Amino acid sequence: MVLKNKYINKIETILRKIVYESLNEMNFERRKDPLGALGVGRRKMIEDWLDEMGIMHYTINDDMTIDTNSNVSIYTQKSHEKSLVKFPDFIQFNEVNGWFDCGYNSLVSLRGCSKVVKANFNCIHNDLEYLEGCPEIVNGYFRCHDNKVEFTKEYVLSLCDVRKNWIIN
């Protein structure tokens, strides 16, 4: 039995060495995420989702949050069978250098939305009952009408610094 365990341990060590050497030969020094280079992993899932949503000019940060240098429009129309109910767990926008529009979906949560929006934020015509997960800072207007709940200006301001103080509810 002891000899068998030593044999298994030796095989595991050799296999680890082969895998490690193979990965090094694939030249992963340039990429921080070797799984992404293999077409798997969280970074790859984020890239695929952003591409599917038509979001361009983005950067995936080391903490896997997403910055964009363009507007973000996630619009699937409530009546559409693929209407977005929530952002995937692996999606978290950080800073959007433009507007962020997730209106006309079936969202029940804003978890995953951008933390900072340099222009306008729009989450109208969803199924929201609360705004937790909304941006912390919006430099333009904040639109949140036609959800399951009428949100007051005071409630919005308790969650978000709306710089232009222009809230449409």
Protein backbone atom coordinates (compact mmCIF):
# COMPACT_ATOMS: atom_id res chain seq x y z
CA MET A 1 0.00 0.00 0.00
CA VAL A 2 2.82 2.43 0.89
CA LEU A 3 4.61 1.59 -2.34
CA LYS A 4 1.39 2.20 -4.30
CA ASN A 5 0.94 5.69 -2.69
CA LYS A 6 4.56 6.59 -3.47
CA TYR A 7 3.99 5.50 -7.08
CA ILE A 8 0.80 7.62 -7.34
CA ASN A 9 2.57 10.63 -5.78
CA LYS A 10 5.43 10.25 -8.26
CA ILE A 11 3.00 10.16 -11.22
CA GLU A 12 1.15 13.26 -9.89
CA THR A 13 4.44 15.13 -9.55
CA ILE A 14 5.47 14.24 -13.09
CA LEU A 15 2.06 15.27 -14.50
CA ARG A 16 2.15 18.61 -12.65
CA LYS A 17 5.61 19.25 -14.07
CA ILE A 18 4.47 18.43 -17.62
CA VAL A 19 1.42 20.71 -17.33
CA TYR A 20 3.50 23.54 -15.83
CA GLU A 21 6.13 23.28 -18.57
CA SER A 22 3.45 23.15 -21.26
CA LEU A 23 1.81 26.30 -19.92
CA ASN A 24 5.16 28.09 -19.82
CA GLU A 25 5.83 27.08 -23.41
CA MET A 26 2.54 28.76 -24.38
CA ASN A 27 4.13 32.06 -23.30
CA PHE A 28 1.66 33.27 -20.66
CA GLU A 29 4.01 35.96 -19.41
CA ARG A 30 2.21 38.59 -21.49
CA ARG A 31 -1.23 37.76 -20.07
CA LYS A 32 -2.15 37.87 -16.42
CA ASP A 33 -4.87 35.27 -16.88
CA PRO A 34 -3.63 31.97 -18.36
CA LEU A 35 -7.16 30.53 -18.24
CA GLY A 36 -8.37 33.42 -20.40
CA ALA A 37 -5.60 32.68 -22.88
CA LEU A 38 -6.92 29.12 -23.06
CA GLY A 39 -10.43 30.44 -23.77
CA VAL A 40 -11.85 29.61 -20.32
CA GLY A 41 -12.16 31.34 -16.96
CA ARG A 42 -13.89 34.41 -15.57
CA ARG A 43 -12.18 36.95 -17.84
CA LYS A 44 -13.29 34.98 -20.90
CA MET A 45 -16.88 34.78 -19.60
CA ILE A 46 -16.87 38.57 -19.08
CA GLU A 47 -15.46 39.19 -22.58
CA ASP A 48 -18.04 36.88 -24.17
CA TRP A 49 -20.95 38.55 -22.34
CA LEU A 50 -19.75 42.06 -23.22
CA ASP A 51 -19.36 41.04 -26.85
CA GLU A 52 -22.83 39.47 -26.86
CA MET A 53 -24.28 42.71 -25.46
CA GLY A 54 -22.43 44.77 -28.08
CA ILE A 55 -20.36 46.64 -25.50
CA MET A 56 -17.09 47.93 -26.93
CA HIS A 57 -14.03 49.90 -25.80
CA TYR A 58 -13.81 48.23 -22.42
CA THR A 59 -11.06 47.27 -20.00
CA ILE A 60 -11.34 44.38 -17.58
CA ASN A 61 -9.49 45.44 -14.45
CA ASP A 62 -7.38 43.13 -12.27
CA ASP A 63 -10.31 42.85 -9.82
CA MET A 64 -12.51 41.76 -12.79
CA THR A 65 -14.59 44.95 -12.77
CA ILE A 66 -15.24 46.62 -16.12
CA ASP A 67 -14.38 50.15 -17.23
CA THR A 68 -15.64 51.48 -20.56
CA ASN A 69 -14.63 54.46 -22.67
CA SER A 70 -17.98 54.56 -24.39
CA ASN A 71 -21.70 54.46 -23.66
CA VAL A 72 -23.24 51.23 -22.36
CA SER A 73 -26.66 50.24 -23.64
CA ILE A 74 -28.14 46.98 -22.42
CA TYR A 75 -31.51 46.95 -24.09
CA THR A 76 -33.43 43.74 -24.71
CA GLN A 77 -37.09 44.86 -24.64
CA LYS A 78 -39.25 43.43 -21.86
CA SER A 79 -41.38 41.37 -24.21
CA HIS A 80 -38.31 39.64 -25.65
CA GLU A 81 -37.64 36.13 -24.37
CA LYS A 82 -34.01 37.06 -23.60
CA SER A 83 -34.96 40.14 -21.57
CA LEU A 84 -32.38 40.69 -18.83
CA VAL A 85 -33.70 39.90 -15.33
CA LYS A 86 -30.36 40.43 -13.59
CA PHE A 87 -26.75 40.89 -14.53
CA PRO A 88 -24.74 37.67 -14.49
CA ASP A 89 -22.85 37.14 -11.23
CA PHE A 90 -19.51 37.62 -13.00
CA ILE A 91 -20.45 41.09 -14.33
CA GLN A 92 -19.61 44.22 -12.33
CA PHE A 93 -19.15 47.51 -14.13
CA ASN A 94 -16.87 49.99 -12.42
CA GLU A 95 -16.60 53.25 -14.37
CA VAL A 96 -18.44 54.18 -17.54
CA ASN A 97 -17.09 57.17 -19.44
CA GLY A 98 -20.47 57.90 -21.02
CA TRP A 99 -24.06 57.00 -20.24
CA PHE A 100 -25.31 53.71 -18.79
CA ASP A 101 -28.69 52.54 -20.07
CA CYS A 102 -30.24 49.33 -18.75
CA GLY A 103 -33.84 50.42 -19.34
CA TYR A 104 -36.57 48.38 -21.02
CA ASN A 105 -35.53 45.04 -19.55
CA SER A 106 -37.04 42.95 -16.76
CA LEU A 107 -34.40 43.78 -14.17
CA VAL A 108 -35.24 43.01 -10.55
CA SER A 109 -31.81 44.12 -9.30
CA LEU A 110 -29.19 46.68 -10.29
CA ARG A 111 -26.33 44.62 -8.83
CA GLY A 112 -23.62 44.72 -11.50
CA CYS A 113 -24.36 48.25 -12.69
CA SER A 114 -21.55 50.76 -12.98
CA LYS A 115 -20.25 52.36 -9.78
CA VAL A 116 -19.52 55.65 -11.57
CA VAL A 117 -21.37 56.96 -14.62
CA LYS A 118 -19.78 60.03 -16.26
CA ALA A 119 -23.03 60.98 -18.03
CA ASN A 120 -26.64 59.80 -17.58
CA PHE A 121 -28.02 56.68 -15.88
CA ASN A 122 -31.24 55.07 -17.09
CA CYS A 123 -33.06 52.10 -15.52
CA ILE A 124 -36.64 52.90 -16.64
CA HIS A 125 -39.25 50.28 -17.58
CA ASN A 126 -37.91 47.40 -15.49
CA ASP A 127 -39.33 45.38 -12.58
CA LEU A 128 -37.33 47.11 -9.86
CA GLU A 129 -38.68 47.40 -6.30
CA TYR A 130 -35.48 48.96 -4.93
CA LEU A 131 -32.38 50.66 -6.35
CA GLU A 132 -29.61 49.02 -4.33
CA GLY A 133 -26.71 48.33 -6.68
CA CYS A 134 -27.31 51.58 -8.57
CA PRO A 135 -24.30 53.80 -9.33
CA GLU A 136 -22.67 55.64 -6.44
CA ILE A 137 -22.00 58.67 -8.68
CA VAL A 138 -23.90 59.88 -11.74
CA ASN A 139 -22.65 63.06 -13.43
CA GLY A 140 -25.80 63.53 -15.53
CA TYR A 141 -29.43 62.69 -14.90
CA PHE A 142 -30.83 59.62 -13.14
CA ARG A 143 -33.95 58.12 -14.74
CA CYS A 144 -35.85 55.44 -12.82
CA HIS A 145 -39.55 55.75 -13.63
CA ASP A 146 -41.97 53.01 -14.76
CA ASN A 147 -40.76 50.29 -12.42
CA LYS A 148 -42.76 48.31 -9.87
CA VAL A 149 -42.23 51.15 -7.36
CA GLU A 150 -42.22 54.94 -7.70
CA PHE A 151 -38.83 56.01 -6.34
CA THR A 152 -38.61 59.35 -4.57
CA LYS A 153 -35.86 61.87 -5.17
CA GLU A 154 -34.83 61.49 -1.51
CA TYR A 155 -34.50 57.72 -1.88
CA VAL A 156 -32.36 58.07 -5.02
CA LEU A 157 -30.12 60.66 -3.34
CA SER A 158 -29.67 58.38 -0.31
CA LEU A 159 -28.00 55.85 -2.63
CA CYS A 160 -26.39 57.97 -5.33
CA ASP A 161 -24.60 61.29 -5.69
CA VAL A 162 -26.45 62.70 -8.70
CA ARG A 163 -24.16 65.57 -9.63
CA LYS A 164 -26.65 67.49 -11.75
CA ASN A 165 -29.33 66.69 -9.18
CA TRP A 166 -31.69 65.95 -12.05
CA ILE A 167 -33.76 62.92 -11.13
CA ILE A 168 -36.59 61.80 -13.36
CA ASN A 169 -38.88 59.39 -11.55
